[in-house]
N, C-alpha and C. Protein backbone atom coordinates (compact mmCIF):
# COMPACT_ATOMS: atom_id res chain seq x y z
N MET A 1 7.86 20.39 8.74
CA MET A 1 6.95 21.53 9.33
C MET A 1 6.28 20.71 10.23
N LYS A 2 6.04 21.33 11.43
CA LYS A 2 5.10 20.79 12.79
C LYS A 2 4.00 21.12 12.66
N PRO A 3 3.03 20.40 12.89
CA PRO A 3 1.52 20.60 13.07
C PRO A 3 1.20 21.91 13.90
N THR A 4 0.25 22.95 13.51
CA THR A 4 -0.38 23.87 14.14
C THR A 4 -1.12 23.37 15.25
N ASN A 5 -1.46 24.11 16.17
CA ASN A 5 -2.52 23.97 17.06
C ASN A 5 -3.72 23.39 16.38
N ASP A 6 -4.45 24.08 15.29
CA ASP A 6 -5.43 23.79 14.64
C ASP A 6 -5.39 22.45 14.08
N GLN A 7 -4.44 22.31 13.65
CA GLN A 7 -4.04 20.74 12.92
C GLN A 7 -4.07 19.83 14.21
N ILE A 8 -3.89 20.07 15.11
CA ILE A 8 -3.65 18.87 16.24
C ILE A 8 -4.96 18.82 16.70
N LYS A 9 -5.98 19.88 16.52
CA LYS A 9 -7.45 19.55 16.77
C LYS A 9 -7.86 18.75 16.02
N GLU A 10 -7.66 18.91 14.56
CA GLU A 10 -8.46 18.09 13.40
C GLU A 10 -7.69 16.81 13.56
N ILE A 11 -6.35 16.58 13.77
CA ILE A 11 -6.02 15.30 13.72
C ILE A 11 -6.73 14.59 14.72
N SER A 12 -6.72 15.38 16.12
CA SER A 12 -7.58 14.41 17.29
C SER A 12 -8.98 14.38 16.68
N SER A 13 -9.51 15.01 16.12
CA SER A 13 -11.01 14.73 15.95
C SER A 13 -11.13 13.42 14.97
N GLU A 14 -9.94 13.51 13.77
CA GLU A 14 -10.11 12.57 12.64
C GLU A 14 -9.71 11.25 13.70
N LEU A 15 -8.87 11.08 14.56
CA LEU A 15 -8.58 9.90 15.55
C LEU A 15 -10.19 9.15 16.33
N ASP A 16 -10.55 10.60 16.97
CA ASP A 16 -11.63 10.06 17.27
C ASP A 16 -12.92 9.43 16.37
N LEU A 17 -12.86 9.76 15.30
CA LEU A 17 -14.18 9.48 14.52
C LEU A 17 -13.73 8.08 14.03
N GLY A 18 -12.53 7.57 14.35
CA GLY A 18 -11.94 6.11 14.14
C GLY A 18 -10.98 6.03 13.03
N LEU A 19 -10.69 7.07 12.45
CA LEU A 19 -9.76 7.16 11.28
C LEU A 19 -8.68 6.70 11.23
N LEU A 20 -7.56 6.67 10.43
CA LEU A 20 -6.27 6.65 10.97
C LEU A 20 -6.12 7.95 10.10
N CYS A 21 -4.75 8.43 10.58
CA CYS A 21 -4.49 9.84 10.53
C CYS A 21 -2.99 10.17 10.40
N PHE A 22 -2.76 10.75 9.11
CA PHE A 22 -1.38 10.77 8.97
C PHE A 22 -0.89 12.52 8.40
N TYR A 23 0.29 12.94 8.68
CA TYR A 23 0.58 14.49 8.81
C TYR A 23 1.60 14.08 7.72
N HIS A 24 1.79 14.88 6.58
CA HIS A 24 2.59 14.94 5.55
C HIS A 24 3.61 15.92 6.05
N ILE A 25 4.63 15.71 6.21
CA ILE A 25 5.58 16.80 6.87
C ILE A 25 5.90 17.82 5.78
N PRO A 26 6.40 17.66 4.86
CA PRO A 26 6.59 18.36 4.08
C PRO A 26 5.98 19.68 3.63
N THR A 27 4.46 19.23 3.54
CA THR A 27 3.58 20.17 2.91
C THR A 27 2.45 20.33 4.23
N GLY A 28 2.35 19.81 5.37
CA GLY A 28 1.48 20.22 6.68
C GLY A 28 -0.04 19.43 6.10
N ARG A 29 -0.06 18.27 5.40
CA ARG A 29 -1.27 18.53 4.74
C ARG A 29 -1.83 16.98 5.82
N ILE A 30 -2.84 17.27 6.14
CA ILE A 30 -3.28 15.72 7.25
C ILE A 30 -4.26 14.76 6.10
N ILE A 31 -3.97 13.67 6.29
CA ILE A 31 -4.59 12.51 5.53
C ILE A 31 -5.02 11.64 6.24
N SER A 32 -6.51 11.52 5.97
CA SER A 32 -7.09 10.34 7.14
C SER A 32 -8.00 9.56 6.21
N TYR A 33 -8.20 8.41 6.96
CA TYR A 33 -9.10 7.68 5.77
C TYR A 33 -9.40 6.56 6.69
N PRO A 34 -10.44 5.38 6.62
CA PRO A 34 -10.62 4.40 7.39
C PRO A 34 -9.69 3.36 7.54
N ASP A 35 -9.87 2.38 8.18
CA ASP A 35 -8.63 1.29 8.46
C ASP A 35 -9.18 0.38 6.94
N PRO A 36 -8.18 0.33 5.72
CA PRO A 36 -8.60 -0.66 4.86
C PRO A 36 -8.59 -1.98 5.30
N ASP A 37 -8.33 -2.25 6.23
CA ASP A 37 -8.53 -3.67 7.01
C ASP A 37 -9.75 -4.17 7.29
N ASP A 38 -10.83 -3.27 7.70
CA ASP A 38 -11.53 -3.29 8.32
C ASP A 38 -12.61 -3.74 7.02
N PRO A 39 -13.23 -5.11 7.35
CA PRO A 39 -14.33 -5.62 6.33
C PRO A 39 -15.33 -4.61 6.03
N ASP A 40 -15.96 -3.91 6.90
CA ASP A 40 -16.75 -3.42 6.26
C ASP A 40 -16.68 -1.78 5.83
N VAL A 41 -15.49 -1.86 5.50
CA VAL A 41 -15.03 -0.42 4.69
C VAL A 41 -14.97 -0.60 3.32
N ASP A 42 -15.33 -0.47 2.13
CA ASP A 42 -14.94 -0.06 0.97
C ASP A 42 -13.58 1.02 0.84
N PRO A 43 -12.43 0.59 0.49
CA PRO A 43 -11.45 1.63 0.30
C PRO A 43 -11.41 2.40 -0.76
N GLU A 44 -12.30 2.15 -1.62
CA GLU A 44 -12.10 2.85 -3.01
C GLU A 44 -12.12 4.13 -2.93
N PRO A 45 -13.10 4.93 -2.33
CA PRO A 45 -13.14 6.39 -2.17
C PRO A 45 -12.08 6.99 -1.52
N TRP A 46 -11.12 6.31 -0.97
CA TRP A 46 -9.94 6.84 0.08
C TRP A 46 -8.62 6.20 -0.80
N GLN A 47 -8.86 5.82 -1.82
CA GLN A 47 -7.65 5.17 -2.52
C GLN A 47 -6.48 5.95 -2.87
N GLU A 48 -6.85 7.06 -3.51
CA GLU A 48 -5.79 8.41 -3.72
C GLU A 48 -4.76 8.27 -2.68
N ASP A 49 -5.77 8.89 -1.00
CA ASP A 49 -5.21 9.20 -0.28
C ASP A 49 -4.17 7.94 0.29
N MET A 50 -4.77 6.99 0.21
CA MET A 50 -4.03 5.71 0.79
C MET A 50 -2.85 5.40 -0.02
N ASP A 51 -2.85 5.91 -1.43
CA ASP A 51 -1.94 5.34 -2.30
C ASP A 51 -0.32 6.76 -2.03
N PHE A 52 -1.14 7.76 -1.74
CA PHE A 52 -0.45 9.09 -1.33
C PHE A 52 0.58 8.70 -0.08
N VAL A 53 0.03 8.20 0.97
CA VAL A 53 0.82 7.83 1.88
C VAL A 53 1.54 6.86 1.66
N ALA A 54 1.58 5.84 1.00
CA ALA A 54 2.60 4.69 0.89
C ALA A 54 3.60 4.91 0.00
N VAL A 55 3.42 6.08 -0.87
CA VAL A 55 4.23 6.43 -1.80
C VAL A 55 5.28 7.22 -1.05
N GLU A 56 4.50 8.47 -0.15
CA GLU A 56 5.05 9.38 0.64
C GLU A 56 5.42 8.80 2.20
N ARG A 57 5.61 7.55 2.44
CA ARG A 57 5.80 6.54 3.73
C ARG A 57 6.92 7.54 4.49
N GLU A 58 8.13 7.88 4.07
CA GLU A 58 9.18 8.26 4.73
C GLU A 58 8.63 9.97 4.88
N GLN A 59 7.61 10.14 4.32
CA GLN A 59 7.64 11.56 4.63
C GLN A 59 6.19 12.15 5.18
N VAL A 60 5.73 10.88 5.66
CA VAL A 60 4.43 11.13 6.70
C VAL A 60 4.50 10.71 8.24
N VAL A 61 3.64 11.11 8.98
CA VAL A 61 3.83 10.71 10.66
C VAL A 61 2.44 10.07 10.47
N GLN A 62 2.27 8.78 11.23
CA GLN A 62 0.90 8.41 11.49
C GLN A 62 0.94 8.68 12.89
N PHE A 63 -0.44 8.85 13.32
CA PHE A 63 -0.82 9.68 14.68
C PHE A 63 -1.55 8.67 15.49
N GLU A 64 -1.37 7.97 16.52
CA GLU A 64 -1.91 6.75 17.43
C GLU A 64 -3.36 7.34 17.72
N ARG A 65 -4.42 6.45 17.84
CA ARG A 65 -5.48 6.75 18.69
C ARG A 65 -5.41 6.39 20.05
N MET A 66 -6.24 6.58 21.22
CA MET A 66 -5.84 6.10 22.68
C MET A 66 -6.22 4.89 22.76
N THR A 67 -5.78 3.94 23.41
CA THR A 67 -6.13 2.53 23.67
C THR A 67 -7.50 2.75 24.88
N SER A 68 -8.24 1.94 24.86
CA SER A 68 -9.37 2.02 25.98
C SER A 68 -8.83 1.97 27.34
N SER A 69 -7.64 1.22 27.76
CA SER A 69 -7.15 1.73 28.93
C SER A 69 -7.03 3.43 29.16
N GLU A 70 -6.39 3.78 27.99
CA GLU A 70 -6.04 5.67 28.33
C GLU A 70 -7.49 6.13 28.21
N GLU A 71 -8.62 5.68 27.42
CA GLU A 71 -9.90 6.59 27.63
C GLU A 71 -10.69 6.16 29.01
N PHE A 72 -10.15 5.10 29.73
CA PHE A 72 -10.91 4.62 30.82
C PHE A 72 -10.15 5.61 31.68
N ARG A 73 -8.61 5.79 31.60
CA ARG A 73 -8.28 7.11 32.71
C ARG A 73 -8.45 8.11 32.54
N ILE A 74 -9.11 8.51 31.18
CA ILE A 74 -9.86 10.09 31.18
C ILE A 74 -11.13 9.95 31.66
N MET A 75 -11.71 8.84 31.82
CA MET A 75 -13.30 8.94 32.31
C MET A 75 -12.75 8.84 33.70
N GLU A 76 -12.04 8.26 34.42
CA GLU A 76 -11.73 8.40 35.85
C GLU A 76 -11.24 9.65 36.14
N ALA A 77 -10.36 10.34 35.41
CA ALA A 77 -9.83 11.65 35.82
C ALA A 77 -11.14 12.62 35.89
N PHE A 78 -12.02 12.72 35.04
CA PHE A 78 -13.17 13.29 34.57
C PHE A 78 -14.00 13.32 35.89
N VAL A 79 -14.55 11.91 36.50
CA VAL A 79 -15.14 11.89 37.53
C VAL A 79 -14.71 12.74 38.85
N GLN A 80 -13.26 12.74 38.95
CA GLN A 80 -12.84 13.56 39.97
C GLN A 80 -13.09 15.32 40.10
N THR A 81 -13.86 15.48 38.84
CA THR A 81 -14.21 17.07 38.30
C THR A 81 -15.46 17.29 38.72
N VAL A 82 -15.97 16.32 38.88
CA VAL A 82 -17.58 16.67 38.98
C VAL A 82 -17.75 16.79 40.63
N PRO A 83 -18.40 18.14 40.63
CA PRO A 83 -18.86 18.95 41.99
C PRO A 83 -19.84 18.10 42.58
N ASN A 84 -20.56 17.38 42.14
CA ASN A 84 -22.06 16.86 42.83
C ASN A 84 -21.60 15.54 43.40
N ILE A 85 -21.08 15.53 44.56
CA ILE A 85 -20.78 13.79 45.15
C ILE A 85 -21.76 12.73 45.03
N HIS A 86 -23.41 13.13 44.59
CA HIS A 86 -23.99 11.84 44.24
C HIS A 86 -23.27 11.29 42.88
N VAL A 87 -23.57 12.39 42.11
CA VAL A 87 -23.05 12.21 40.38
C VAL A 87 -21.87 11.48 40.54
N GLN A 88 -20.92 11.83 41.33
CA GLN A 88 -19.83 11.60 41.11
C GLN A 88 -19.50 9.96 41.55
N SER A 89 -20.37 9.69 42.74
CA SER A 89 -20.35 8.41 43.42
C SER A 89 -21.09 7.45 42.50
N ARG A 90 -21.97 8.03 41.45
CA ARG A 90 -22.72 7.03 40.42
C ARG A 90 -21.82 6.92 39.58
N LEU A 91 -21.01 7.83 39.07
CA LEU A 91 -20.04 7.66 37.78
C LEU A 91 -18.84 7.00 38.59
N LEU A 92 -18.34 6.84 39.74
CA LEU A 92 -17.67 5.69 39.94
C LEU A 92 -18.01 4.27 39.76
N GLN A 93 -18.86 4.28 40.46
CA GLN A 93 -19.99 2.91 40.66
C GLN A 93 -19.88 2.14 39.26
N ALA A 94 -20.32 3.07 37.91
CA ALA A 94 -20.45 2.41 36.81
C ALA A 94 -19.06 2.23 36.08
N LEU A 95 -18.03 3.14 36.50
CA LEU A 95 -16.59 2.51 35.89
C LEU A 95 -16.01 1.27 37.02
N GLU A 96 -16.80 0.87 38.14
CA GLU A 96 -16.53 -0.67 38.67
C GLU A 96 -17.22 -1.77 38.44
N ASN A 97 -18.19 -1.40 37.44
CA ASN A 97 -18.94 -2.36 36.86
C ASN A 97 -18.81 -2.92 35.83
N ARG A 98 -19.11 -4.09 35.58
CA ARG A 98 -18.96 -4.69 33.83
C ARG A 98 -19.74 -3.49 32.82
N LYS A 99 -18.70 -3.60 31.77
CA LYS A 99 -19.42 -2.61 30.70
C LYS A 99 -19.13 -1.22 31.08
N PRO A 100 -18.11 -0.83 31.62
CA PRO A 100 -18.06 0.49 32.33
C PRO A 100 -18.21 1.91 31.42
N PHE A 101 -17.77 1.60 30.16
CA PHE A 101 -18.25 2.53 29.27
C PHE A 101 -19.55 3.13 28.58
N ARG A 102 -20.25 1.79 28.64
CA ARG A 102 -21.60 1.99 27.96
C ARG A 102 -22.28 2.65 29.52
N HIS A 103 -22.02 1.81 30.75
CA HIS A 103 -22.66 2.75 31.82
C HIS A 103 -22.23 4.24 32.30
N PHE A 104 -20.98 4.42 31.79
CA PHE A 104 -20.80 5.69 32.17
C PHE A 104 -21.27 6.52 30.86
N LYS A 105 -21.27 6.35 29.69
CA LYS A 105 -22.00 7.00 28.81
C LYS A 105 -23.57 7.18 29.08
N GLN A 106 -24.18 6.18 29.69
CA GLN A 106 -25.64 6.43 30.20
C GLN A 106 -26.03 7.58 30.95
N LEU A 107 -25.04 7.41 32.09
CA LEU A 107 -25.03 8.47 33.15
C LEU A 107 -24.61 9.64 32.83
N ILE A 108 -23.75 9.75 31.91
CA ILE A 108 -23.48 11.13 31.74
C ILE A 108 -24.30 11.72 30.68
N ASP A 109 -24.77 10.80 29.71
CA ASP A 109 -25.75 11.67 28.88
C ASP A 109 -27.18 11.92 29.28
N ALA A 110 -27.46 11.43 30.76
CA ALA A 110 -28.62 11.67 31.24
C ALA A 110 -28.35 12.66 32.58
N SER A 111 -27.07 13.29 32.48
CA SER A 111 -26.59 14.35 33.62
C SER A 111 -26.48 15.86 32.78
N ALA A 112 -26.35 16.47 34.19
CA ALA A 112 -26.04 18.27 33.55
C ALA A 112 -24.84 18.27 33.53
N TYR A 113 -23.94 17.40 33.44
CA TYR A 113 -22.65 17.12 33.24
C TYR A 113 -21.98 16.81 31.70
N ARG A 114 -22.92 16.65 30.82
CA ARG A 114 -22.90 15.93 29.59
C ARG A 114 -21.83 16.77 28.59
N GLN A 115 -22.22 18.18 28.56
CA GLN A 115 -21.11 18.97 27.71
C GLN A 115 -19.86 18.89 28.63
N ASP A 116 -19.55 18.90 29.91
CA ASP A 116 -18.69 19.30 30.62
C ASP A 116 -17.56 18.19 30.16
N TRP A 117 -18.36 16.94 30.02
CA TRP A 117 -17.47 15.64 29.89
C TRP A 117 -17.24 15.74 28.49
N PHE A 118 -17.88 15.98 27.59
CA PHE A 118 -17.52 16.37 26.10
C PHE A 118 -16.26 17.19 26.02
N SER A 119 -16.44 18.17 26.66
CA SER A 119 -15.35 19.34 26.73
C SER A 119 -14.15 18.70 27.34
N PHE A 120 -14.02 17.93 28.44
CA PHE A 120 -12.87 17.45 29.01
C PHE A 120 -12.34 16.33 28.38
N ARG A 121 -12.84 15.64 27.61
CA ARG A 121 -12.75 14.46 26.98
C ARG A 121 -11.71 14.87 25.41
N ASP A 122 -12.44 16.03 24.84
CA ASP A 122 -11.87 16.68 23.40
C ASP A 122 -10.41 17.15 24.16
N GLN A 123 -10.43 17.77 24.99
CA GLN A 123 -8.93 18.22 25.57
C GLN A 123 -7.84 17.20 25.88
N ALA A 124 -8.36 16.07 26.50
CA ALA A 124 -7.39 15.04 26.73
C ALA A 124 -7.33 14.36 25.16
N HIS A 125 -8.01 14.23 24.23
CA HIS A 125 -7.44 13.72 23.02
C HIS A 125 -6.73 14.96 22.01
N VAL A 126 -6.80 16.08 22.31
CA VAL A 126 -5.95 17.24 21.93
C VAL A 126 -4.33 16.78 22.81
N ASP A 127 -4.79 17.12 23.83
CA ASP A 127 -3.40 16.87 24.70
C ASP A 127 -2.82 15.59 24.21
N TYR A 128 -3.25 14.30 24.16
CA TYR A 128 -2.66 13.01 23.33
C TYR A 128 -1.94 13.19 22.38
N VAL A 129 -3.00 13.87 21.24
CA VAL A 129 -2.17 14.08 20.01
C VAL A 129 -0.91 15.12 20.28
N ARG A 130 -1.10 16.28 20.97
CA ARG A 130 0.09 16.94 21.30
C ARG A 130 1.27 16.17 22.08
N GLU A 131 1.22 15.29 22.52
CA GLU A 131 1.93 15.02 23.38
C GLU A 131 2.83 13.74 22.31
N GLN A 132 2.08 13.43 21.36
CA GLN A 132 2.50 12.95 20.02
C GLN A 132 3.40 13.86 19.29
N VAL A 133 3.15 14.56 19.01
CA VAL A 133 3.79 15.58 18.22
C VAL A 133 5.08 16.31 19.26
N ASP A 134 5.06 16.33 20.45
CA ASP A 134 6.00 16.83 21.12
C ASP A 134 7.24 15.86 21.28
N ALA A 135 6.83 14.73 21.41
CA ALA A 135 7.71 13.72 21.35
C ALA A 135 8.74 13.24 20.40
N ARG A 136 8.23 14.11 19.15
CA ARG A 136 8.98 13.59 17.86
C ARG A 136 9.68 14.67 17.51
N ARG A 137 11.21 14.47 17.19
CA ARG A 137 12.05 15.23 16.58
C ARG A 137 11.13 16.10 15.17
N TRP A 138 11.22 17.16 14.81
CA TRP A 138 10.62 17.59 13.33
C TRP A 138 12.02 18.26 13.18
């Protein structure tokens, strides 16, 4: 069973939260939990899900998060959609400086394009998960 569009969006959201995300092919169940190797995470509340994934390993697909370089390319692509040349220029400059993610976020949060950015970014994440779905034989 292949994930539906709504499930693709849910998987995207779970990955965006920093969770590991799996799809159980026979049931269509989405399983997500924090990385148990993270020293700041108490795995106990998610142990049942982690055990399920371990037992059903052959029947689950793990989805991958975007790398920071992929996230950076999304920011670059978004900048090209900003119609205000002044804002666009400032965003490009932020991406060229040290700590581009932080500077980009500061500028976006203080701009009229904040919601546009979130919509653009969310769609890019959904498209990324959809590419993973499409690349797999179901």
